[in-house]
Protein backbone atom coordinates (compact mmCIF):
# COMPACT_ATOMS: atom_id res chain seq x y z
CA UNK A 1 32.39 -0.29 -49.53
CA UNK A 2 35.55 -1.64 -49.04
CA UNK A 3 36.73 -5.45 -47.25
CA UNK A 4 40.33 -6.58 -46.78
CA UNK A 5 39.89 -9.98 -46.99
CA UNK A 6 43.68 -11.43 -45.09
CA UNK A 7 43.56 -15.28 -46.70
CA UNK A 8 47.11 -17.41 -47.80
CA UNK A 9 44.53 -19.47 -50.42
CA UNK A 10 44.80 -17.97 -53.56
CA UNK A 11 41.26 -19.83 -55.06
CA UNK A 12 38.90 -19.23 -51.82
CA UNK A 13 40.68 -15.31 -51.95
CA UNK A 14 39.78 -14.80 -55.28
CA UNK A 15 36.35 -16.31 -54.90
CA UNK A 16 35.51 -14.28 -52.16
CA UNK A 17 37.01 -11.43 -53.78
CA UNK A 18 35.12 -12.16 -57.39
CA UNK A 19 31.65 -12.42 -55.49
CA UNK A 20 31.83 -9.13 -52.98
CA UNK A 21 33.35 -7.24 -56.27
CA UNK A 22 30.05 -8.36 -58.22
CA UNK A 23 27.97 -7.08 -55.01
CA UNK A 24 29.60 -3.24 -55.61
CA UNK A 25 32.52 -3.90 -53.11
CA UNK A 26 35.85 -2.78 -53.32
CA UNK A 27 38.15 -5.25 -52.40
CA UNK A 28 42.14 -5.18 -51.35
CA UNK A 29 43.74 -9.05 -50.86
CA UNK A 30 46.55 -9.97 -49.00
CA UNK A 31 48.21 -13.37 -48.17
CA UNK A 32 50.18 -12.54 -44.91
CA UNK A 33 49.39 -11.36 -41.42
CA UNK A 34 51.85 -8.96 -41.62
CA UNK A 35 50.41 -7.18 -44.70
CA UNK A 36 46.70 -7.05 -42.99
CA UNK A 37 48.00 -5.51 -40.41
CA UNK A 38 50.21 -2.58 -41.69
CA UNK A 39 46.84 -2.53 -44.18
CA UNK A 40 44.52 -1.85 -40.90
CA UNK A 41 47.08 0.56 -39.43
CA UNK A 42 47.78 2.51 -42.71
CA UNK A 43 44.64 2.41 -44.67
CA UNK A 44 40.70 2.57 -44.22
CA UNK A 45 38.21 -0.46 -44.77
CA UNK A 46 34.75 -1.11 -43.83
CA UNK A 47 35.05 -4.38 -42.79
CA UNK A 48 38.58 -7.03 -42.66
CA UNK A 49 38.25 -10.89 -43.53
CA UNK A 50 40.74 -12.73 -41.22
CA UNK A 51 41.86 -16.17 -41.69
CA UNK A 52 43.86 -17.52 -38.13
CA UNK A 53 45.99 -19.06 -39.90
CA UNK A 54 47.94 -17.23 -42.33
CA UNK A 55 52.03 -16.76 -42.72
CA UNK A 56 53.98 -13.42 -41.36
CA UNK A 57 51.45 -13.37 -37.96
CA UNK A 58 48.21 -15.08 -37.65
CA UNK A 59 45.01 -13.85 -37.66
CA UNK A 60 44.22 -13.85 -33.71
CA UNK A 61 47.47 -11.68 -33.44
CA UNK A 62 46.58 -8.76 -36.49
CA UNK A 63 43.03 -8.62 -34.28
CA UNK A 64 44.39 -8.27 -31.25
CA UNK A 65 47.36 -5.51 -32.25
CA UNK A 66 44.54 -3.98 -34.24
CA UNK A 67 42.58 -3.50 -31.09
CA UNK A 68 45.89 -2.11 -29.02
CA UNK A 69 45.72 0.33 -31.98
CA UNK A 70 42.25 1.73 -30.84
CA UNK A 71 41.45 0.29 -34.14
CA UNK A 72 37.68 -0.52 -34.53
CA UNK A 73 37.10 -1.96 -38.26
CA UNK A 74 34.82 -5.12 -37.78
CA UNK A 75 36.38 -8.45 -37.84
CA UNK A 76 34.90 -11.01 -39.59
CA UNK A 77 37.09 -14.44 -38.91
CA UNK A 78 37.26 -17.06 -42.26
CA UNK A 79 38.87 -20.29 -41.04
CA UNK A 80 38.83 -24.06 -40.70
CA UNK A 81 39.16 -23.67 -36.57
CA UNK A 82 35.57 -24.32 -35.96
CA UNK A 83 35.73 -25.54 -32.70
CA UNK A 84 33.82 -23.60 -29.39
CA UNK A 85 37.17 -23.03 -27.98
CA UNK A 86 38.52 -21.27 -31.38
CA UNK A 87 35.33 -19.31 -31.72
CA UNK A 88 34.75 -18.25 -27.98
CA UNK A 89 38.77 -16.98 -28.30
CA UNK A 90 38.12 -15.43 -31.18
CA UNK A 91 35.77 -13.58 -30.39
CA UNK A 92 36.71 -12.39 -27.06
CA UNK A 93 39.89 -11.18 -28.46
CA UNK A 94 37.56 -8.28 -30.42
CA UNK A 95 36.16 -9.59 -33.33
CA UNK A 96 32.98 -9.34 -34.66
CA UNK A 97 31.51 -12.17 -36.40
CA UNK A 98 33.04 -16.28 -36.52
CA UNK A 99 32.66 -18.02 -40.09
CA UNK A 100 33.82 -21.28 -40.36
CA UNK A 101 35.34 -23.00 -43.75
CA UNK A 102 33.78 -24.77 -45.98
CA UNK A 103 30.84 -21.64 -46.35
CA UNK A 104 28.35 -20.78 -48.80
CA UNK A 105 28.98 -17.33 -50.19
CA UNK A 106 25.61 -16.40 -49.82
CA UNK A 107 25.83 -16.83 -45.89
CA UNK A 108 29.57 -14.40 -46.02
CA UNK A 109 27.63 -12.01 -47.78
CA UNK A 110 25.18 -11.70 -45.37
CA UNK A 111 27.82 -11.59 -42.65
CA UNK A 112 29.25 -8.74 -44.07
CA UNK A 113 25.42 -6.41 -44.62
CA UNK A 114 24.76 -7.55 -41.30
CA UNK A 115 28.49 -6.04 -39.47
CA UNK A 116 28.09 -2.44 -41.57
CA UNK A 117 24.21 -2.33 -40.59
CA UNK A 118 26.01 -2.23 -37.09
CA UNK A 119 28.27 0.23 -38.50
CA UNK A 120 25.73 2.12 -39.76
CA UNK A 121 22.96 1.75 -36.45
CA UNK A 122 26.53 3.26 -34.61
CA UNK A 123 25.87 6.67 -36.15
CA UNK A 124 27.63 5.98 -39.98
CA UNK A 125 25.73 7.94 -43.19
CA UNK A 126 22.96 5.45 -44.27
CA UNK A 127 21.84 7.71 -47.18
CA UNK A 128 23.16 9.98 -49.71
CA UNK A 129 21.58 13.13 -50.96
CA UNK A 130 22.23 15.09 -53.69
CA UNK A 131 19.72 17.41 -54.50
CA UNK A 132 16.38 15.34 -55.33
CA UNK A 133 18.75 12.16 -55.73
CA UNK A 134 18.94 10.10 -53.20
CA UNK A 135 21.13 7.15 -52.32
CA UNK A 136 20.48 4.39 -49.21
CA UNK A 137 23.37 2.46 -48.91
CA UNK A 138 21.67 -0.06 -46.70
CA UNK A 139 18.82 -1.20 -49.45
CA UNK A 140 21.85 -0.40 -51.98
CA UNK A 141 18.73 1.38 -53.75
CA UNK A 142 18.73 4.69 -55.77
CA UNK A 143 15.56 7.65 -56.69
CA UNK A 144 15.45 10.86 -57.98
CA UNK A 145 12.34 12.76 -57.44
CA UNK A 146 10.37 9.52 -55.81
CA UNK A 147 11.20 7.40 -58.90
CA UNK A 148 13.31 4.23 -58.60
CA UNK A 149 16.32 4.18 -60.63
CA UNK A 150 17.74 0.82 -61.59
CA UNK A 151 21.70 0.37 -60.84
CA UNK A 152 24.08 -2.21 -60.98
CA UNK A 153 26.04 -3.15 -58.68
CA UNK A 154 28.65 -1.13 -60.20
CA UNK A 155 26.75 2.17 -61.34
CA UNK A 156 26.03 1.87 -57.56
CA UNK A 157 29.21 2.08 -56.46
CA UNK A 158 30.52 4.59 -59.04
CA UNK A 159 27.32 7.06 -58.25
CA UNK A 160 28.50 6.65 -54.43
CA UNK A 161 31.71 7.82 -54.76
CA UNK A 162 30.13 11.05 -56.75
CA UNK A 163 27.29 11.07 -54.19
CA UNK A 164 29.92 11.43 -51.34
CA UNK A 165 32.41 13.61 -53.24
CA UNK A 166 29.26 16.06 -53.86
CA UNK A 167 30.34 19.51 -55.57
CA UNK A 168 33.45 18.25 -55.65
CA UNK A 169 35.68 17.40 -58.71
CA UNK A 170 36.31 12.81 -58.44
CA UNK A 171 39.13 12.80 -61.14
CA UNK A 172 39.42 9.15 -63.53
CA UNK A 173 41.98 7.99 -61.83
CA UNK A 174 40.18 8.36 -58.02
CA UNK A 175 37.13 6.12 -59.96
CA UNK A 176 39.56 3.79 -61.06
CA UNK A 177 41.26 2.98 -57.52
CA UNK A 178 37.83 2.98 -55.78
CA UNK A 179 34.94 1.64 -57.93
CA UNK A 180 37.86 -0.96 -60.33
CA UNK A 181 40.78 -1.44 -58.13
CA UNK A 182 43.20 -0.67 -60.28
CA UNK A 183 45.48 1.61 -61.11
CA UNK A 184 45.23 4.58 -63.71
CA UNK A 185 45.01 3.46 -67.44
CA UNK A 186 45.34 6.06 -69.74
CA UNK A 187 43.93 3.54 -72.19
CA UNK A 188 40.69 2.48 -70.37
CA UNK A 189 37.46 3.93 -71.37
CA UNK A 190 35.84 1.82 -68.52
CA UNK A 191 35.29 5.16 -66.58
CA UNK A 192 33.49 7.23 -69.90
CA UNK A 193 31.52 3.77 -70.67
CA UNK A 194 29.87 3.16 -67.25
CA UNK A 195 29.33 7.07 -66.41
CA UNK A 196 27.53 7.16 -69.92
CA UNK A 197 25.75 4.96 -68.71
CA UNK A 198 24.82 6.15 -65.22
CA UNK A 199 24.16 9.64 -66.30
CA UNK A 200 21.57 8.08 -69.47
CA UNK A 201 19.75 7.08 -65.63
CA UNK A 202 20.00 9.72 -63.36
CA UNK A 203 19.85 12.66 -65.98
CA UNK A 204 18.17 12.11 -69.06
CA UNK A 205 14.86 11.65 -67.70
CA UNK A 206 14.58 14.42 -65.75
CA UNK A 207 14.92 17.80 -66.13
CA UNK A 208 17.97 19.02 -64.45
CA UNK A 209 21.10 17.75 -65.18
CA UNK A 210 23.72 16.30 -61.88
CA UNK A 211 26.40 14.30 -62.94
CA UNK A 212 28.76 17.02 -65.20
CA UNK A 213 31.99 16.57 -67.12
CA UNK A 214 34.77 18.32 -65.88
CA UNK A 215 36.83 18.97 -69.27
CA UNK A 216 40.14 16.89 -69.19
CA UNK A 217 39.77 16.76 -65.20
CA UNK A 218 36.86 14.33 -64.07
CA UNK A 219 33.36 14.73 -63.36
CA UNK A 220 31.42 16.26 -60.52
CA UNK A 221 27.60 15.75 -59.09
CA UNK A 222 26.08 18.44 -57.50
CA UNK A 223 22.93 20.07 -58.24
CA UNK A 224 21.20 23.28 -59.57
CA UNK A 225 23.33 26.25 -58.90
């Protein structure tokens, strides 16, 4: 699940980014309204968090431009502008939620989850299946052969990417970009380490392996062939 944070206060942006990543989200951060709009126009995300007051282009203008371009990404305003008129203006412009600073991260996280559930209720996939492995995207739980598989947030995100691309090869570069949000580093072993931990949980206790290493290329998750 990918979240855009458009926030010009670096301390606030870093706080939100770190908290969401701990919960397994992929996060993109921008500090300028124009950059936020460009990202929404040319990239995909599941939720956009917009500050109302930003350099370049204010959050309300970003939202109006998004809706004019038929971009229906759920938008949560996170702002110090908390008067009733400000809230109404944001929601009438096409915003999906409005949270006033200062805020508690737990509430922000709950609101993001609620927005993504709404998207799921509108027809988005809520469950992924590969052979006898099931990943529930709402409860963020995994099961194989009916047995619960305990996953850490990063392991869940890694498995989600692999299951969304089942029967296809996913490269190390793709995993670094989609799960860890950084570009390819040929010396990094973070992918191999997490793949090993994931394999120990979803494959070793069971008879049929699902997670396969494609030598010198990447990984593929699929059932027996």
